[in-house]
Amino acid sequence: ERNLLLVGPTRAIVLSMPEPVIVDVELKVKGTTESEDKHLSFLAVPLLCHGKRYSCMLLNSGSYTSKLSTLEFRLGYIVSSVEATIFVRVICGSWPDDFHSQFAAFTTGVRWKDLAREKKIASVDDERILLLDSRGDQKVVVTGDDGKIVLSRCVVSVEDKGELKVHVRAWKVDDSVVEAEMVFTALKAGLSNGELDMGFCKLGVSVAWSLISRKPVYADSVM
């Protein structure tokens, strides 16, 4: 698998020009014991995004080479953003042990969207942000009596006038795929709730909204 699923971030990554965001990467190949682990990549990369009026994918996020490997970063720039913390739990039925799944989020860019389209800027709208990927040997972990599903990532940046879409795909080997999604309108504070009917169970989705700074109109972040 060439694509690495990030565990985090646990908070929105704020861009504050002219200071860069530093991405620190340390990847290891696990050995039989910790002392036998081998470095695959070890680097720190400063990333800058000069002020934009619209959300977009950063096409110049680029590839970075260390002595042992080359990594490609794919970053999205979200203007005037708020922080969405996503929680998912099973509220009816149960999640089958033999089902695989992908939990993902999408966020929409609203501000100056026509200008971005005219400049043929890559939109953030169709960019899938994986919250949990249980393909292969990984299973969906449901904890406690409240049925909470443990996500690998639960925080997403959203434009303060945009929308957040939560999408779930579930399947069993050699069986059809079940999909469901829900759209939430961004808030500057508070809690949004909804339900997803997967057929074999129902999922409750909660999104806690919060400001990234005291001046959210200037709080641009990375998705």
N, C-alpha and C. Protein backbone atom coordinates (compact mmCIF):
# COMPACT_ATOMS: atom_id res chain seq x y z
N GLU A 1 0.85 -1.19 0.00
CA GLU A 1 0.00 0.00 0.00
C GLU A 1 0.89 1.24 0.00
N ARG A 2 0.80 2.03 -1.06
CA ARG A 2 1.66 3.21 -1.19
C ARG A 2 1.09 4.43 -0.49
N ASN A 3 -0.24 4.44 -0.26
CA ASN A 3 -0.87 5.58 0.39
C ASN A 3 -0.97 5.33 1.89
N LEU A 4 -0.47 6.27 2.69
CA LEU A 4 -0.45 6.13 4.13
C LEU A 4 -1.65 6.85 4.74
N LEU A 5 -2.38 6.17 5.61
CA LEU A 5 -3.52 6.76 6.29
C LEU A 5 -3.02 7.48 7.54
N LEU A 6 -3.28 8.78 7.61
CA LEU A 6 -2.82 9.57 8.74
C LEU A 6 -3.66 9.27 9.98
N VAL A 7 -3.00 9.14 11.10
CA VAL A 7 -3.68 9.04 12.40
C VAL A 7 -3.64 10.44 13.00
N GLY A 8 -4.66 11.21 12.75
CA GLY A 8 -4.68 12.62 13.14
C GLY A 8 -4.83 13.48 11.90
N PRO A 9 -4.69 14.79 12.00
CA PRO A 9 -4.34 15.52 13.22
C PRO A 9 -5.48 15.53 14.23
N THR A 10 -5.14 15.85 15.47
CA THR A 10 -6.16 15.92 16.51
C THR A 10 -6.73 17.32 16.66
N ARG A 11 -6.09 18.30 16.03
CA ARG A 11 -6.60 19.67 15.97
C ARG A 11 -6.33 20.21 14.57
N ALA A 12 -7.07 21.26 14.19
CA ALA A 12 -6.85 21.88 12.88
C ALA A 12 -5.44 22.48 12.82
N ILE A 13 -4.82 22.38 11.64
CA ILE A 13 -3.48 22.94 11.43
C ILE A 13 -3.64 24.34 10.86
N VAL A 14 -3.31 25.35 11.65
CA VAL A 14 -3.56 26.74 11.28
C VAL A 14 -2.39 27.30 10.47
N LEU A 15 -2.73 28.00 9.37
CA LEU A 15 -1.73 28.70 8.57
C LEU A 15 -1.73 30.17 8.98
N SER A 16 -0.59 30.67 9.37
CA SER A 16 -0.46 32.06 9.79
C SER A 16 0.73 32.67 9.07
N MET A 17 0.46 33.30 7.92
CA MET A 17 1.54 33.89 7.13
C MET A 17 2.22 35.00 7.92
N PRO A 18 3.55 35.19 7.79
CA PRO A 18 4.42 34.50 6.82
C PRO A 18 5.08 33.24 7.38
N GLU A 19 4.64 32.79 8.56
CA GLU A 19 5.27 31.61 9.16
C GLU A 19 4.83 30.34 8.43
N PRO A 20 5.76 29.44 8.13
CA PRO A 20 5.38 28.19 7.44
C PRO A 20 4.83 27.16 8.41
N VAL A 21 4.10 26.20 7.87
CA VAL A 21 3.73 25.00 8.62
C VAL A 21 4.84 23.98 8.40
N ILE A 22 5.34 23.41 9.48
CA ILE A 22 6.41 22.41 9.38
C ILE A 22 5.80 21.01 9.47
N VAL A 23 6.00 20.22 8.42
CA VAL A 23 5.56 18.83 8.42
C VAL A 23 6.76 17.96 8.75
N ASP A 24 6.68 17.27 9.87
CA ASP A 24 7.78 16.43 10.35
C ASP A 24 7.39 14.97 10.12
N VAL A 25 8.20 14.25 9.36
CA VAL A 25 7.87 12.87 8.98
C VAL A 25 8.95 11.92 9.49
N GLU A 26 8.53 10.90 10.20
CA GLU A 26 9.44 9.82 10.61
C GLU A 26 8.73 8.50 10.38
N LEU A 27 9.16 7.78 9.36
CA LEU A 27 8.56 6.49 9.02
C LEU A 27 9.58 5.38 9.26
N LYS A 28 9.09 4.29 9.84
CA LYS A 28 9.97 3.15 10.10
C LYS A 28 9.33 1.86 9.60
N VAL A 29 10.18 0.93 9.20
CA VAL A 29 9.74 -0.43 8.88
C VAL A 29 9.93 -1.26 10.14
N LYS A 30 8.83 -1.83 10.64
CA LYS A 30 8.91 -2.56 11.91
C LYS A 30 9.72 -3.83 11.77
N GLY A 31 10.60 -4.03 12.74
CA GLY A 31 11.35 -5.27 12.82
C GLY A 31 10.72 -6.20 13.85
N THR A 32 11.38 -7.30 14.12
CA THR A 32 10.88 -8.24 15.12
C THR A 32 10.81 -7.59 16.49
N THR A 33 11.80 -6.76 16.80
CA THR A 33 11.82 -5.98 18.03
C THR A 33 12.02 -4.51 17.67
N GLU A 34 11.78 -3.61 18.64
CA GLU A 34 11.92 -2.18 18.36
C GLU A 34 13.34 -1.82 17.94
N SER A 35 14.33 -2.50 18.51
CA SER A 35 15.72 -2.20 18.16
C SER A 35 16.05 -2.59 16.72
N GLU A 36 15.22 -3.44 16.11
CA GLU A 36 15.44 -3.87 14.74
C GLU A 36 14.64 -3.05 13.73
N ASP A 37 13.88 -2.05 14.21
CA ASP A 37 13.16 -1.17 13.30
C ASP A 37 14.15 -0.42 12.40
N LYS A 38 13.76 -0.20 11.14
CA LYS A 38 14.63 0.51 10.21
C LYS A 38 13.91 1.75 9.68
N HIS A 39 14.65 2.86 9.56
CA HIS A 39 14.07 4.09 9.05
C HIS A 39 13.76 3.95 7.56
N LEU A 40 12.56 4.40 7.19
CA LEU A 40 12.18 4.48 5.79
C LEU A 40 12.24 5.93 5.30
N SER A 41 11.87 6.85 6.19
CA SER A 41 11.92 8.27 5.84
C SER A 41 12.07 9.09 7.11
N PHE A 42 12.88 10.15 7.02
CA PHE A 42 13.07 11.03 8.16
C PHE A 42 13.34 12.43 7.61
N LEU A 43 12.35 13.32 7.68
CA LEU A 43 12.53 14.65 7.12
C LEU A 43 11.58 15.65 7.78
N ALA A 44 11.89 16.93 7.61
CA ALA A 44 11.03 18.03 8.07
C ALA A 44 10.89 19.00 6.90
N VAL A 45 9.64 19.32 6.54
CA VAL A 45 9.38 20.13 5.35
C VAL A 45 8.59 21.37 5.73
N PRO A 46 9.09 22.59 5.41
CA PRO A 46 8.30 23.81 5.62
C PRO A 46 7.36 24.03 4.44
N LEU A 47 6.10 24.29 4.73
CA LEU A 47 5.11 24.51 3.68
C LEU A 47 4.51 25.90 3.83
N LEU A 48 4.46 26.64 2.72
CA LEU A 48 3.88 27.98 2.70
C LEU A 48 2.71 28.02 1.73
N CYS A 49 1.71 28.82 2.06
CA CYS A 49 0.62 29.05 1.12
C CYS A 49 0.32 30.53 1.16
N HIS A 50 0.68 31.24 0.10
CA HIS A 50 0.47 32.68 0.06
C HIS A 50 -1.03 32.96 0.02
N GLY A 51 -1.43 34.02 0.69
CA GLY A 51 -2.85 34.32 0.92
C GLY A 51 -3.74 34.14 -0.29
N LYS A 52 -4.79 33.36 -0.14
CA LYS A 52 -5.79 33.15 -1.18
C LYS A 52 -7.16 33.49 -0.61
N ARG A 53 -8.08 33.81 -1.51
CA ARG A 53 -9.43 34.14 -1.07
C ARG A 53 -10.38 32.95 -1.17
N TYR A 54 -9.86 31.83 -1.65
CA TYR A 54 -10.71 30.66 -1.86
C TYR A 54 -9.99 29.40 -1.40
N SER A 55 -10.78 28.39 -1.08
CA SER A 55 -10.21 27.09 -0.70
C SER A 55 -9.75 26.35 -1.95
N CYS A 56 -8.68 25.59 -1.84
CA CYS A 56 -8.17 24.88 -3.01
C CYS A 56 -7.20 23.80 -2.57
N MET A 57 -6.94 22.87 -3.48
CA MET A 57 -5.88 21.90 -3.27
C MET A 57 -4.55 22.55 -3.63
N LEU A 58 -3.53 22.29 -2.84
CA LEU A 58 -2.21 22.87 -3.09
C LEU A 58 -1.44 21.96 -4.03
N LEU A 59 -1.42 22.34 -5.30
CA LEU A 59 -0.77 21.49 -6.30
C LEU A 59 0.74 21.47 -6.14
N ASN A 60 1.28 22.51 -5.46
CA ASN A 60 2.73 22.56 -5.28
C ASN A 60 3.17 21.94 -3.96
N SER A 61 2.26 21.18 -3.33
CA SER A 61 2.66 20.53 -2.07
C SER A 61 3.79 19.54 -2.33
N GLY A 62 3.75 18.89 -3.50
CA GLY A 62 4.92 18.26 -4.08
C GLY A 62 5.50 17.02 -3.42
N SER A 63 6.64 16.61 -3.98
CA SER A 63 7.37 15.44 -3.52
C SER A 63 8.64 15.88 -2.81
N TYR A 64 8.99 15.13 -1.76
CA TYR A 64 10.17 15.47 -0.97
C TYR A 64 10.99 14.21 -0.74
N THR A 65 12.29 14.32 -0.99
CA THR A 65 13.16 13.16 -0.94
C THR A 65 14.12 13.24 0.24
N SER A 66 14.17 12.16 0.99
CA SER A 66 15.19 12.01 2.03
C SER A 66 16.21 11.00 1.51
N LYS A 67 17.13 10.59 2.34
CA LYS A 67 18.16 9.66 1.89
C LYS A 67 17.59 8.29 1.52
N LEU A 68 16.45 7.95 2.10
CA LEU A 68 15.95 6.58 1.96
C LEU A 68 14.69 6.45 1.11
N SER A 69 13.95 7.55 0.91
CA SER A 69 12.69 7.43 0.17
C SER A 69 12.21 8.79 -0.29
N THR A 70 11.16 8.77 -1.11
CA THR A 70 10.51 10.00 -1.58
C THR A 70 9.05 9.97 -1.17
N LEU A 71 8.59 11.04 -0.54
CA LEU A 71 7.20 11.16 -0.11
C LEU A 71 6.51 12.26 -0.89
N GLU A 72 5.25 12.03 -1.22
CA GLU A 72 4.43 13.05 -1.86
C GLU A 72 3.36 13.50 -0.88
N PHE A 73 3.27 14.81 -0.65
CA PHE A 73 2.24 15.36 0.22
C PHE A 73 1.10 15.90 -0.64
N ARG A 74 -0.12 15.68 -0.17
CA ARG A 74 -1.29 16.26 -0.82
C ARG A 74 -2.06 17.04 0.24
N LEU A 75 -2.09 18.36 0.07
CA LEU A 75 -2.68 19.22 1.08
C LEU A 75 -3.78 20.08 0.49
N GLY A 76 -4.76 20.39 1.31
CA GLY A 76 -5.82 21.31 0.93
C GLY A 76 -5.76 22.55 1.80
N TYR A 77 -6.07 23.71 1.20
CA TYR A 77 -6.05 25.00 1.90
C TYR A 77 -7.50 25.43 2.10
N ILE A 78 -7.91 25.62 3.34
CA ILE A 78 -9.30 25.98 3.66
C ILE A 78 -9.32 27.38 4.25
N VAL A 79 -10.01 28.31 3.57
CA VAL A 79 -10.07 29.69 4.06
C VAL A 79 -11.20 29.83 5.08
N SER A 80 -11.08 30.82 5.95
CA SER A 80 -12.13 31.18 6.91
C SER A 80 -12.73 29.93 7.55
N SER A 81 -11.90 29.12 8.13
CA SER A 81 -12.33 27.78 8.52
C SER A 81 -12.69 27.64 9.99
N VAL A 82 -13.56 26.67 10.22
CA VAL A 82 -13.89 26.23 11.57
C VAL A 82 -13.47 24.77 11.70
N GLU A 83 -13.45 24.30 12.93
CA GLU A 83 -12.99 22.93 13.20
C GLU A 83 -14.19 22.02 13.46
N ALA A 84 -14.24 20.91 12.75
CA ALA A 84 -15.29 19.91 12.93
C ALA A 84 -14.69 18.65 13.53
N THR A 85 -15.19 18.24 14.70
CA THR A 85 -14.75 17.00 15.33
C THR A 85 -15.88 15.99 15.19
N ILE A 86 -15.59 14.85 14.55
CA ILE A 86 -16.62 13.89 14.14
C ILE A 86 -16.62 12.68 15.06
N PHE A 87 -17.83 12.29 15.49
CA PHE A 87 -18.02 11.10 16.32
C PHE A 87 -19.06 10.21 15.64
N VAL A 88 -18.79 8.90 15.62
CA VAL A 88 -19.73 7.94 15.03
C VAL A 88 -19.95 6.80 16.02
N ARG A 89 -21.21 6.39 16.18
CA ARG A 89 -21.49 5.25 17.06
C ARG A 89 -22.65 4.43 16.50
N VAL A 90 -22.68 3.17 16.85
CA VAL A 90 -23.78 2.28 16.46
C VAL A 90 -24.93 2.50 17.43
N ILE A 91 -26.10 2.92 16.91
CA ILE A 91 -27.24 3.22 17.78
C ILE A 91 -28.36 2.19 17.65
N CYS A 92 -28.29 1.34 16.62
CA CYS A 92 -29.30 0.30 16.45
C CYS A 92 -28.66 -0.86 15.68
N GLY A 93 -28.86 -2.09 16.16
CA GLY A 93 -28.23 -3.24 15.54
C GLY A 93 -26.78 -3.36 15.99
N SER A 94 -25.97 -4.01 15.15
CA SER A 94 -24.56 -4.20 15.48
C SER A 94 -23.73 -4.21 14.21
N TRP A 95 -22.44 -3.93 14.36
CA TRP A 95 -21.54 -3.95 13.21
C TRP A 95 -20.96 -5.36 13.09
N PRO A 96 -21.21 -6.05 11.95
CA PRO A 96 -20.72 -7.43 11.77
C PRO A 96 -19.19 -7.49 11.75
N ASP A 97 -18.63 -8.51 12.35
CA ASP A 97 -17.17 -8.67 12.42
C ASP A 97 -16.54 -8.86 11.05
N ASP A 98 -17.29 -9.44 10.10
CA ASP A 98 -16.70 -9.76 8.80
C ASP A 98 -16.92 -8.66 7.77
N PHE A 99 -17.35 -7.48 8.20
CA PHE A 99 -17.57 -6.36 7.28
C PHE A 99 -16.35 -5.43 7.27
N HIS A 100 -15.93 -5.04 6.07
CA HIS A 100 -14.91 -4.01 5.90
C HIS A 100 -15.61 -2.67 5.68
N SER A 101 -14.85 -1.58 5.82
CA SER A 101 -15.50 -0.28 5.67
C SER A 101 -14.50 0.81 5.35
N GLN A 102 -15.05 1.92 4.85
CA GLN A 102 -14.33 3.18 4.73
C GLN A 102 -15.24 4.29 5.24
N PHE A 103 -14.76 5.01 6.25
CA PHE A 103 -15.44 6.20 6.73
C PHE A 103 -14.67 7.40 6.19
N ALA A 104 -15.35 8.32 5.54
CA ALA A 104 -14.66 9.45 4.92
C ALA A 104 -15.45 10.73 5.11
N ALA A 105 -14.74 11.85 4.97
CA ALA A 105 -15.37 13.17 5.04
C ALA A 105 -14.99 13.96 3.79
N PHE A 106 -15.89 14.82 3.36
CA PHE A 106 -15.64 15.75 2.26
C PHE A 106 -16.05 17.14 2.74
N THR A 107 -15.34 18.16 2.30
CA THR A 107 -15.69 19.52 2.67
C THR A 107 -15.80 20.37 1.41
N THR A 108 -16.70 21.34 1.41
CA THR A 108 -16.94 22.15 0.21
C THR A 108 -16.34 23.53 0.35
N GLY A 109 -15.81 24.05 -0.76
CA GLY A 109 -15.33 25.42 -0.81
C GLY A 109 -16.42 26.32 -1.36
N VAL A 110 -16.72 27.41 -0.68
CA VAL A 110 -17.81 28.30 -1.07
C VAL A 110 -17.30 29.68 -1.47
N ARG A 111 -16.40 30.25 -0.68
CA ARG A 111 -15.95 31.62 -0.92
C ARG A 111 -15.18 31.75 -2.24
N TRP A 112 -15.57 32.73 -3.05
CA TRP A 112 -14.90 33.04 -4.31
C TRP A 112 -14.75 31.80 -5.19
N LYS A 113 -15.77 30.97 -5.18
CA LYS A 113 -15.68 29.70 -5.91
C LYS A 113 -15.60 29.92 -7.42
N ASP A 114 -16.35 30.92 -7.92
CA ASP A 114 -16.32 31.20 -9.36
C ASP A 114 -14.94 31.66 -9.81
N LEU A 115 -14.27 32.46 -8.97
CA LEU A 115 -12.92 32.91 -9.30
C LEU A 115 -11.96 31.73 -9.36
N ALA A 116 -12.08 30.83 -8.41
CA ALA A 116 -11.22 29.64 -8.41
C ALA A 116 -11.48 28.79 -9.64
N ARG A 117 -12.76 28.69 -10.05
CA ARG A 117 -13.10 27.90 -11.24
C ARG A 117 -12.52 28.54 -12.50
N GLU A 118 -12.60 29.88 -12.59
CA GLU A 118 -12.05 30.59 -13.75
C GLU A 118 -10.55 30.36 -13.88
N LYS A 119 -9.87 30.30 -12.75
CA LYS A 119 -8.42 30.10 -12.76
C LYS A 119 -8.04 28.62 -12.86
N LYS A 120 -9.06 27.77 -12.99
CA LYS A 120 -8.86 26.32 -13.10
C LYS A 120 -8.07 25.77 -11.91
N ILE A 121 -8.43 26.29 -10.73
CA ILE A 121 -7.80 25.84 -9.49
C ILE A 121 -8.43 24.53 -9.05
N ALA A 122 -7.63 23.59 -8.60
CA ALA A 122 -8.15 22.30 -8.14
C ALA A 122 -9.02 22.50 -6.90
N SER A 123 -10.27 22.05 -6.98
CA SER A 123 -11.22 22.25 -5.89
C SER A 123 -11.00 21.24 -4.76
N VAL A 124 -11.38 21.65 -3.55
CA VAL A 124 -11.33 20.72 -2.41
C VAL A 124 -12.57 19.84 -2.34
N ASP A 125 -13.59 20.16 -3.16
CA ASP A 125 -14.91 19.53 -2.98
C ASP A 125 -14.90 18.01 -3.10
N ASP A 126 -14.11 17.48 -4.00
CA ASP A 126 -14.13 16.03 -4.25
C ASP A 126 -13.00 15.30 -3.55
N GLU A 127 -12.30 15.98 -2.66
CA GLU A 127 -11.15 15.37 -1.99
C GLU A 127 -11.62 14.53 -0.80
N ARG A 128 -11.37 13.24 -0.87
CA ARG A 128 -11.79 12.31 0.19
C ARG A 128 -10.78 12.36 1.34
N ILE A 129 -11.29 12.64 2.55
CA ILE A 129 -10.47 12.64 3.75
C ILE A 129 -10.83 11.39 4.55
N LEU A 130 -9.96 10.41 4.56
CA LEU A 130 -10.27 9.15 5.23
C LEU A 130 -10.24 9.30 6.75
N LEU A 131 -11.33 8.88 7.37
CA LEU A 131 -11.43 8.87 8.82
C LEU A 131 -11.12 7.48 9.38
N LEU A 132 -11.43 6.45 8.59
CA LEU A 132 -11.15 5.06 8.97
C LEU A 132 -11.18 4.21 7.73
N ASP A 133 -10.19 3.35 7.57
CA ASP A 133 -10.12 2.43 6.43
C ASP A 133 -9.84 1.04 6.98
N SER A 134 -10.85 0.18 6.96
CA SER A 134 -10.69 -1.15 7.57
C SER A 134 -10.54 -2.25 6.53
N ARG A 135 -9.94 -1.90 5.40
CA ARG A 135 -9.62 -2.95 4.43
C ARG A 135 -8.51 -3.83 4.96
N GLY A 136 -8.35 -5.00 4.37
CA GLY A 136 -7.30 -5.92 4.82
C GLY A 136 -7.64 -6.54 6.15
N ASP A 137 -6.65 -6.62 7.03
CA ASP A 137 -6.84 -7.28 8.32
C ASP A 137 -7.45 -6.37 9.38
N GLN A 138 -7.45 -5.07 9.13
CA GLN A 138 -7.98 -4.15 10.13
C GLN A 138 -9.50 -4.27 10.23
N LYS A 139 -10.01 -4.21 11.45
CA LYS A 139 -11.45 -4.32 11.68
C LYS A 139 -11.99 -3.03 12.27
N VAL A 140 -13.30 -2.85 12.12
CA VAL A 140 -13.96 -1.73 12.78
C VAL A 140 -14.06 -2.04 14.26
N VAL A 141 -13.54 -1.14 15.09
CA VAL A 141 -13.54 -1.34 16.54
C VAL A 141 -14.69 -0.55 17.14
N VAL A 142 -15.61 -1.27 17.80
CA VAL A 142 -16.74 -0.64 18.49
C VAL A 142 -16.50 -0.82 19.98
N THR A 143 -16.49 0.29 20.72
CA THR A 143 -16.13 0.24 22.13
C THR A 143 -17.31 0.51 23.05
N GLY A 144 -17.26 -0.11 24.23
CA GLY A 144 -18.17 0.23 25.33
C GLY A 144 -19.63 0.00 25.04
N ASP A 145 -20.45 0.40 26.00
CA ASP A 145 -21.89 0.23 25.89
C ASP A 145 -22.53 1.27 24.97
N ASP A 146 -21.80 2.37 24.68
CA ASP A 146 -22.38 3.42 23.84
C ASP A 146 -22.19 3.15 22.36
N GLY A 147 -21.49 2.08 21.98
CA GLY A 147 -21.32 1.71 20.58
C GLY A 147 -20.42 2.63 19.78
N LYS A 148 -19.52 3.34 20.43
CA LYS A 148 -18.65 4.28 19.73
C LYS A 148 -17.69 3.55 18.80
N ILE A 149 -17.57 4.04 17.56
CA ILE A 149 -16.63 3.49 16.59
C ILE A 149 -15.33 4.29 16.67
N VAL A 150 -14.21 3.59 16.81
CA VAL A 150 -12.91 4.24 16.95
C VAL A 150 -12.40 4.64 15.57
N LEU A 151 -12.33 5.95 15.31
CA LEU A 151 -11.85 6.47 14.04
C LEU A 151 -10.34 6.72 14.11
N SER A 152 -9.66 6.54 12.98
CA SER A 152 -8.23 6.86 12.92
C SER A 152 -8.01 8.37 12.96
N ARG A 153 -8.95 9.10 12.37
CA ARG A 153 -8.89 10.56 12.35
C ARG A 153 -10.30 11.08 12.57
N CYS A 154 -10.45 12.13 13.36
CA CYS A 154 -11.80 12.63 13.64
C CYS A 154 -11.95 14.14 13.45
N VAL A 155 -10.88 14.86 13.10
CA VAL A 155 -10.93 16.32 12.97
C VAL A 155 -10.74 16.72 11.51
N VAL A 156 -11.63 17.62 11.04
CA VAL A 156 -11.58 18.12 9.66
C VAL A 156 -11.82 19.63 9.70
N SER A 157 -11.13 20.37 8.83
CA SER A 157 -11.37 21.81 8.69
C SER A 157 -12.44 22.04 7.63
N VAL A 158 -13.35 22.98 7.92
CA VAL A 158 -14.48 23.27 7.03
C VAL A 158 -14.63 24.79 6.92
N GLU A 159 -14.92 25.29 5.71
CA GLU A 159 -15.22 26.72 5.58
C GLU A 159 -16.41 27.07 6.46
N ASP A 160 -16.37 28.28 7.06
CA ASP A 160 -17.44 28.65 7.98
C ASP A 160 -18.79 28.80 7.30
N LYS A 161 -18.81 28.94 5.97
CA LYS A 161 -20.06 29.00 5.21
C LYS A 161 -20.23 27.77 4.32
N GLY A 162 -19.40 26.77 4.53
CA GLY A 162 -19.43 25.58 3.69
C GLY A 162 -20.20 24.43 4.31
N GLU A 163 -19.98 23.24 3.78
CA GLU A 163 -20.66 22.04 4.25
C GLU A 163 -19.66 20.91 4.49
N LEU A 164 -20.04 20.01 5.36
CA LEU A 164 -19.26 18.80 5.64
C LEU A 164 -20.11 17.60 5.30
N LYS A 165 -19.57 16.70 4.47
CA LYS A 165 -20.28 15.47 4.13
C LYS A 165 -19.56 14.29 4.76
N VAL A 166 -20.30 13.47 5.50
CA VAL A 166 -19.75 12.25 6.09
C VAL A 166 -20.29 11.07 5.29
N HIS A 167 -19.39 10.24 4.77
CA HIS A 167 -19.75 9.15 3.87
C HIS A 167 -19.22 7.83 4.43
N VAL A 168 -20.06 6.80 4.41
CA VAL A 168 -19.66 5.48 4.91
C VAL A 168 -19.92 4.42 3.84
N ARG A 169 -18.90 3.60 3.56
CA ARG A 169 -19.03 2.44 2.67
C ARG A 169 -18.74 1.19 3.50
N ALA A 170 -19.57 0.17 3.33
CA ALA A 170 -19.35 -1.08 4.07
C ALA A 170 -19.59 -2.25 3.12
N TRP A 171 -18.79 -3.30 3.27
CA TRP A 171 -18.94 -4.46 2.41
C TRP A 171 -18.35 -5.69 3.07
N LYS A 172 -18.85 -6.83 2.59
CA LYS A 172 -18.31 -8.12 2.98
C LYS A 172 -17.62 -8.71 1.75
N VAL A 173 -16.61 -9.52 1.96
CA VAL A 173 -15.88 -10.10 0.84
C VAL A 173 -16.86 -10.81 -0.10
N ASP A 174 -16.72 -10.53 -1.42
CA ASP A 174 -17.58 -11.14 -2.45
C ASP A 174 -19.05 -10.78 -2.25
N ASP A 175 -19.31 -9.59 -1.73
CA ASP A 175 -20.68 -9.16 -1.53
C ASP A 175 -20.82 -7.72 -2.00
N SER A 176 -22.07 -7.25 -2.12
CA SER A 176 -22.31 -5.90 -2.60
C SER A 176 -21.95 -4.86 -1.54
N VAL A 177 -21.75 -3.63 -2.01
CA VAL A 177 -21.35 -2.53 -1.14
C VAL A 177 -22.58 -1.76 -0.67
N VAL A 178 -22.61 -1.43 0.61
CA VAL A 178 -23.65 -0.59 1.18
C VAL A 178 -23.04 0.78 1.44
N GLU A 179 -23.74 1.85 1.00
CA GLU A 179 -23.23 3.19 1.18
C GLU A 179 -24.30 4.11 1.75
N ALA A 180 -23.88 5.07 2.56
CA ALA A 180 -24.80 6.07 3.10
C ALA A 180 -23.99 7.33 3.40
N GLU A 181 -24.64 8.48 3.32
CA GLU A 181 -23.94 9.72 3.60
C GLU A 181 -24.90 10.76 4.16
N MET A 182 -24.33 11.75 4.84
CA MET A 182 -25.10 12.83 5.43
C MET A 182 -24.31 14.12 5.29
N VAL A 183 -25.04 15.22 5.03
CA VAL A 183 -24.42 16.53 4.86
C VAL A 183 -24.78 17.42 6.04
N PHE A 184 -23.77 18.08 6.59
CA PHE A 184 -23.95 19.01 7.71
C PHE A 184 -23.53 20.41 7.27
N THR A 185 -24.32 21.41 7.63
CA THR A 185 -23.96 22.80 7.38
C THR A 185 -23.03 23.27 8.50
N ALA A 186 -21.95 23.94 8.12
CA ALA A 186 -20.95 24.37 9.11
C ALA A 186 -21.55 25.35 10.11
N LEU A 187 -21.11 25.23 11.35
CA LEU A 187 -21.49 26.16 12.42
C LEU A 187 -20.21 26.70 13.05
N LYS A 188 -20.34 27.85 13.72
CA LYS A 188 -19.17 28.40 14.43
C LYS A 188 -19.05 27.83 15.83
N ALA A 189 -20.12 27.23 16.32
CA ALA A 189 -20.10 26.57 17.64
C ALA A 189 -21.32 25.67 17.71
N GLY A 190 -21.29 24.71 18.63
CA GLY A 190 -22.45 23.85 18.82
C GLY A 190 -22.24 22.43 18.34
N LEU A 191 -23.35 21.70 18.25
CA LEU A 191 -23.31 20.28 17.91
C LEU A 191 -24.36 19.96 16.86
N SER A 192 -23.97 19.23 15.82
CA SER A 192 -24.90 18.76 14.79
C SER A 192 -25.01 17.25 14.91
N ASN A 193 -26.24 16.72 14.74
CA ASN A 193 -26.47 15.28 14.86
C ASN A 193 -27.25 14.75 13.67
N GLY A 194 -27.00 13.50 13.33
CA GLY A 194 -27.73 12.85 12.26
C GLY A 194 -27.60 11.35 12.35
N GLU A 195 -28.33 10.64 11.48
CA GLU A 195 -28.30 9.18 11.47
C GLU A 195 -28.04 8.67 10.06
N LEU A 196 -27.31 7.57 9.97
CA LEU A 196 -27.07 6.87 8.71
C LEU A 196 -27.62 5.46 8.82
N ASP A 197 -28.49 5.09 7.88
CA ASP A 197 -29.07 3.75 7.87
C ASP A 197 -28.25 2.87 6.93
N MET A 198 -27.50 1.92 7.50
CA MET A 198 -26.66 1.04 6.70
C MET A 198 -27.37 -0.25 6.32
N GLY A 199 -28.62 -0.42 6.75
CA GLY A 199 -29.36 -1.65 6.48
C GLY A 199 -29.18 -2.65 7.60
N PHE A 200 -27.96 -3.05 7.88
CA PHE A 200 -27.69 -4.02 8.95
C PHE A 200 -27.58 -3.33 10.31
N CYS A 201 -27.41 -2.01 10.32
CA CYS A 201 -27.38 -1.24 11.57
C CYS A 201 -27.60 0.23 11.26
N LYS A 202 -27.84 1.01 12.30
CA LYS A 202 -27.95 2.46 12.16
C LYS A 202 -26.80 3.11 12.92
N LEU A 203 -26.24 4.14 12.29
CA LEU A 203 -25.13 4.86 12.89
C LEU A 203 -25.58 6.27 13.27
N GLY A 204 -25.20 6.69 14.46
CA GLY A 204 -25.41 8.07 14.86
C GLY A 204 -24.14 8.86 14.61
N VAL A 205 -24.27 9.99 13.91
CA VAL A 205 -23.12 10.83 13.59
C VAL A 205 -23.29 12.17 14.30
N SER A 206 -22.30 12.56 15.08
CA SER A 206 -22.31 13.85 15.77
C SER A 206 -21.08 14.65 15.34
N VAL A 207 -21.29 15.94 15.12
CA VAL A 207 -20.19 16.83 14.73
C VAL A 207 -20.15 17.99 15.72
N ALA A 208 -19.05 18.12 16.44
CA ALA A 208 -18.85 19.24 17.36
C ALA A 208 -18.08 20.33 16.63
N TRP A 209 -18.66 21.53 16.61
CA TRP A 209 -18.06 22.65 15.88
C TRP A 209 -17.38 23.61 16.84
N SER A 210 -16.25 24.16 16.42
CA SER A 210 -15.56 25.14 17.26
C SER A 210 -14.74 26.09 16.38
N LEU A 211 -14.50 27.29 16.91
CA LEU A 211 -13.67 28.26 16.22
C LEU A 211 -12.20 27.89 16.38
N ILE A 212 -11.42 28.21 15.36
CA ILE A 212 -9.99 27.94 15.42
C ILE A 212 -9.26 29.09 16.10
N SER A 213 -9.79 30.31 15.98
CA SER A 213 -9.20 31.47 16.65
C SER A 213 -10.31 32.44 17.00
N ARG A 214 -9.97 33.52 17.69
CA ARG A 214 -10.95 34.53 18.04
C ARG A 214 -11.40 35.33 16.83
N LYS A 215 -10.64 35.25 15.72
CA LYS A 215 -10.99 35.95 14.49
C LYS A 215 -11.12 34.91 13.38
N PRO A 216 -12.23 34.17 13.34
CA PRO A 216 -12.34 33.04 12.40
C PRO A 216 -12.25 33.45 10.94
N VAL A 217 -12.59 34.71 10.63
CA VAL A 217 -12.52 35.12 9.24
C VAL A 217 -11.08 35.07 8.72
N TYR A 218 -10.09 35.16 9.64
CA TYR A 218 -8.69 35.10 9.24
C TYR A 218 -8.04 33.75 9.52
N ALA A 219 -8.81 32.81 10.03
CA ALA A 219 -8.23 31.52 10.43
C ALA A 219 -8.24 30.56 9.25
N ASP A 220 -7.20 30.56 8.47
CA ASP A 220 -7.07 29.63 7.36
C ASP A 220 -6.32 28.40 7.85
N SER A 221 -6.65 27.24 7.30
CA SER A 221 -6.07 26.01 7.82
C SER A 221 -5.83 25.01 6.70
N VAL A 222 -5.20 23.92 7.08
CA VAL A 222 -4.90 22.83 6.15
C VAL A 222 -5.87 21.70 6.40
N MET A 223 -6.40 21.07 5.32
CA MET A 223 -7.32 19.95 5.51
C MET A 223 -6.55 18.64 5.53
